[in-house]
Amino acid sequence: MPAKWAGLFMATTVTHPDYAGQRIGCQLAWWVLDHAARCGRHWVRRGTTEPGLVRYYRDIQGWTVVRVKERDGYTVTGLARAAQLMSDLTISRGAVAQTPRSGS
C-alpha cells in the first residue's frame, strides 16, 4: 500500500447515556485524528451500520463516505478523514500503550 494511504481505523464509539451531550465521542474522534497525524499516518477511517451515525459523522464531524457495502444483511458505510493535528483537544495526548497484534 502506498504511504499516502497509510491510516488508522477507528471503530464506532458508544457513549453511556449518563454522559450523552458532552461530545465525548467527538473528542475521541479528534484525538484519533491528532494521534494519526503525530504518528505520520495520512488518513483515519471508520465504519458504521447506523444511518444516523453516517449523517452525524459526515455532516457534523466532516468525514467523507468512501464506501457503502451490503454485508450479512447490514449496510456498512466506510468513512474517511485526513489525519490532522487538533489544537483544542480537551482530552490528554499522553502516551498510548501499544497493543501487540495477535500472531506478532
C-alpha atoms as a PDB file:
ATOM      1  CA  MET A   1       0.000   0.000   0.000  1.00  0.00           C
ATOM      2  CA  PRO A   2       1.402   3.424  -0.902  1.00  0.00           C
ATOM      3  CA  ALA A   3       2.456   5.523   2.109  1.00  0.00           C
ATOM      4  CA  LYS A   4      -0.032   8.247   1.119  1.00  0.00           C
ATOM      5  CA  TRP A   5      -2.851   5.810   2.005  1.00  0.00           C
ATOM      6  CA  ALA A   6      -1.399   4.815   5.394  1.00  0.00           C
ATOM      7  CA  GLY A   7      -4.018   5.256   8.067  1.00  0.00           C
ATOM      8  CA  LEU A   8      -5.687   4.147  11.249  1.00  0.00           C
ATOM      9  CA  PHE A   9      -9.143   2.623  11.661  1.00  0.00           C
ATOM     10  CA  MET A  10     -11.468   3.959  14.336  1.00  0.00           C
ATOM     11  CA  ALA A  11     -14.348   1.729  15.357  1.00  0.00           C
ATOM     12  CA  THR A  12     -17.720   3.277  16.050  1.00  0.00           C
ATOM     13  CA  THR A  13     -17.941   4.514  19.617  1.00  0.00           C
ATOM     14  CA  VAL A  14     -20.825   4.343  22.054  1.00  0.00           C
ATOM     15  CA  THR A  15     -21.292   6.830  24.890  1.00  0.00           C
ATOM     16  CA  HIS A  16     -23.111   5.821  28.059  1.00  0.00           C
ATOM     17  CA  PRO A  17     -26.429   7.714  28.276  1.00  0.00           C
ATOM     18  CA  ASP A  18     -25.337   9.396  31.538  1.00  0.00           C
ATOM     19  CA  TYR A  19     -22.648  11.213  29.530  1.00  0.00           C
ATOM     20  CA  ALA A  20     -24.657  11.987  26.389  1.00  0.00           C
ATOM     21  CA  GLY A  21     -24.308  15.504  25.045  1.00  0.00           C
ATOM     22  CA  GLN A  22     -20.793  16.018  26.432  1.00  0.00           C
ATOM     23  CA  ARG A  23     -19.221  15.333  22.992  1.00  0.00           C
ATOM     24  CA  ILE A  24     -17.018  12.564  24.389  1.00  0.00           C
ATOM     25  CA  GLY A  25     -17.227  10.590  21.133  1.00  0.00           C
ATOM     26  CA  CYS A  26     -16.379  13.692  19.130  1.00  0.00           C
ATOM     27  CA  GLN A  27     -13.362  14.426  21.329  1.00  0.00           C
ATOM     28  CA  LEU A  28     -12.246  10.823  20.919  1.00  0.00           C
ATOM     29  CA  ALA A  29     -12.500  11.160  17.126  1.00  0.00           C
ATOM     30  CA  TRP A  30     -10.476  14.397  17.255  1.00  0.00           C
ATOM     31  CA  TRP A  31      -7.868  12.644  19.417  1.00  0.00           C
ATOM     32  CA  VAL A  32      -7.592   9.817  16.855  1.00  0.00           C
ATOM     33  CA  LEU A  33      -7.147  12.343  14.010  1.00  0.00           C
ATOM     34  CA  ASP A  34      -4.436  14.103  16.039  1.00  0.00           C
ATOM     35  CA  HIS A  35      -2.747  10.821  17.030  1.00  0.00           C
ATOM     36  CA  ALA A  36      -2.705   9.613  13.424  1.00  0.00           C
ATOM     37  CA  ALA A  37      -1.083  12.865  12.281  1.00  0.00           C
ATOM     38  CA  ARG A  38       1.545  12.661  15.034  1.00  0.00           C
ATOM     39  CA  CYS A  39       2.306   9.052  14.001  1.00  0.00           C
ATOM     40  CA  GLY A  40       2.809  10.030  10.360  1.00  0.00           C
ATOM     41  CA  ARG A  41      -0.419   8.451   9.155  1.00  0.00           C
ATOM     42  CA  HIS A  42      -2.341  10.262   6.453  1.00  0.00           C
ATOM     43  CA  TRP A  43      -5.878   9.011   6.999  1.00  0.00           C
ATOM     44  CA  VAL A  44      -8.306   7.841   9.640  1.00  0.00           C
ATOM     45  CA  ARG A  45     -11.075   5.521   8.558  1.00  0.00           C
ATOM     46  CA  ARG A  46     -14.174   4.413  10.392  1.00  0.00           C
ATOM     47  CA  GLY A  47     -17.251   2.365   9.647  1.00  0.00           C
ATOM     48  CA  THR A  48     -20.807   2.058  10.891  1.00  0.00           C
ATOM     49  CA  THR A  49     -24.081   0.322  10.108  1.00  0.00           C
ATOM     50  CA  GLU A  50     -26.204   3.136  11.582  1.00  0.00           C
ATOM     51  CA  PRO A  51     -27.633   5.656   9.059  1.00  0.00           C
ATOM     52  CA  GLY A  52     -27.980   8.304  11.786  1.00  0.00           C
ATOM     53  CA  LEU A  53     -24.288   7.996  12.634  1.00  0.00           C
ATOM     54  CA  VAL A  54     -23.354   8.230   8.948  1.00  0.00           C
ATOM     55  CA  ARG A  55     -25.206  11.561   8.757  1.00  0.00           C
ATOM     56  CA  TYR A  56     -23.638  12.791  12.016  1.00  0.00           C
ATOM     57  CA  TYR A  57     -20.090  11.769  11.068  1.00  0.00           C
ATOM     58  CA  ARG A  58     -20.474  13.250   7.574  1.00  0.00           C
ATOM     59  CA  ASP A  59     -22.488  16.409   8.256  1.00  0.00           C
ATOM     60  CA  ILE A  60     -21.288  17.402  11.748  1.00  0.00           C
ATOM     61  CA  GLN A  61     -17.811  15.862  12.110  1.00  0.00           C
ATOM     62  CA  GLY A  62     -16.664  16.312   8.490  1.00  0.00           C
ATOM     63  CA  TRP A  63     -15.998  12.689   7.463  1.00  0.00           C
ATOM     64  CA  THR A  64     -16.387  11.609   3.824  1.00  0.00           C
ATOM     65  CA  VAL A  65     -18.277   8.488   2.796  1.00  0.00           C
ATOM     66  CA  VAL A  66     -15.845   6.355   0.785  1.00  0.00           C
ATOM     67  CA  ARG A  67     -17.717   3.050   0.543  1.00  0.00           C
ATOM     68  CA  VAL A  68     -21.167   1.580   1.074  1.00  0.00           C
ATOM     69  CA  LYS A  69     -21.451  -2.211   1.059  1.00  0.00           C
ATOM     70  CA  GLU A  70     -24.053  -4.799   1.999  1.00  0.00           C
ATOM     71  CA  ARG A  71     -22.683  -7.370   4.432  1.00  0.00           C
ATOM     72  CA  ASP A  72     -24.626 -10.058   6.286  1.00  0.00           C
ATOM     73  CA  GLY A  73     -27.906  -8.190   5.861  1.00  0.00           C
ATOM     74  CA  TYR A  74     -26.490  -4.829   7.006  1.00  0.00           C
ATOM     75  CA  THR A  75     -25.470  -1.768   5.054  1.00  0.00           C
ATOM     76  CA  VAL A  76     -21.916  -0.969   6.128  1.00  0.00           C
ATOM     77  CA  THR A  77     -20.710   2.546   5.414  1.00  0.00           C
ATOM     78  CA  GLY A  78     -16.998   3.307   5.379  1.00  0.00           C
ATOM     79  CA  LEU A  79     -15.899   6.872   6.015  1.00  0.00           C
ATOM     80  CA  ALA A  80     -12.506   8.586   5.931  1.00  0.00           C
ATOM     81  CA  ARG A  81     -10.972  11.838   7.019  1.00  0.00           C
ATOM     82  CA  ALA A  82      -7.463  13.193   6.594  1.00  0.00           C
ATOM     83  CA  ALA A  83      -5.350  12.974   9.736  1.00  0.00           C
ATOM     84  CA  GLN A  84      -4.636  16.386  11.207  1.00  0.00           C
ATOM     85  CA  LEU A  85      -3.225  17.993  14.314  1.00  0.00           C
ATOM     86  CA  MET A  86      -6.063  19.139  16.553  1.00  0.00           C
ATOM     87  CA  SER A  87      -5.144  22.170  18.654  1.00  0.00           C
ATOM     88  CA  ASP A  88      -8.116  22.335  21.017  1.00  0.00           C
ATOM     89  CA  LEU A  89      -8.394  18.821  22.431  1.00  0.00           C
ATOM     90  CA  THR A  90      -9.943  18.574  25.861  1.00  0.00           C
ATOM     91  CA  ILE A  91      -8.567  15.068  26.412  1.00  0.00           C
ATOM     92  CA  SER A  92      -4.956  14.179  27.118  1.00  0.00           C
ATOM     93  CA  ARG A  93      -2.335  13.484  24.491  1.00  0.00           C
ATOM     94  CA  GLY A  94      -0.499  11.243  26.954  1.00  0.00           C
ATOM     95  CA  ALA A  95       1.371   8.123  25.962  1.00  0.00           C
ATOM     96  CA  VAL A  96      -0.622   5.407  24.276  1.00  0.00           C
ATOM     97  CA  ALA A  97       0.163   1.807  25.116  1.00  0.00           C
ATOM     98  CA  GLN A  98       0.937  -0.196  22.017  1.00  0.00           C
ATOM     99  CA  THR A  99      -1.006  -3.452  21.961  1.00  0.00           C
ATOM    100  CA  PRO A 100       0.780  -6.233  20.084  1.00  0.00           C
ATOM    101  CA  ARG A 101      -1.168  -7.704  17.184  1.00  0.00           C
ATOM    102  CA  SER A 102      -2.096 -11.337  17.590  1.00  0.00           C
ATOM    103  CA  GLY A 103       0.452 -13.568  15.961  1.00  0.00           C
ATOM    104  CA  SER A 104       3.257 -10.985  16.220  1.00  0.00           C
END
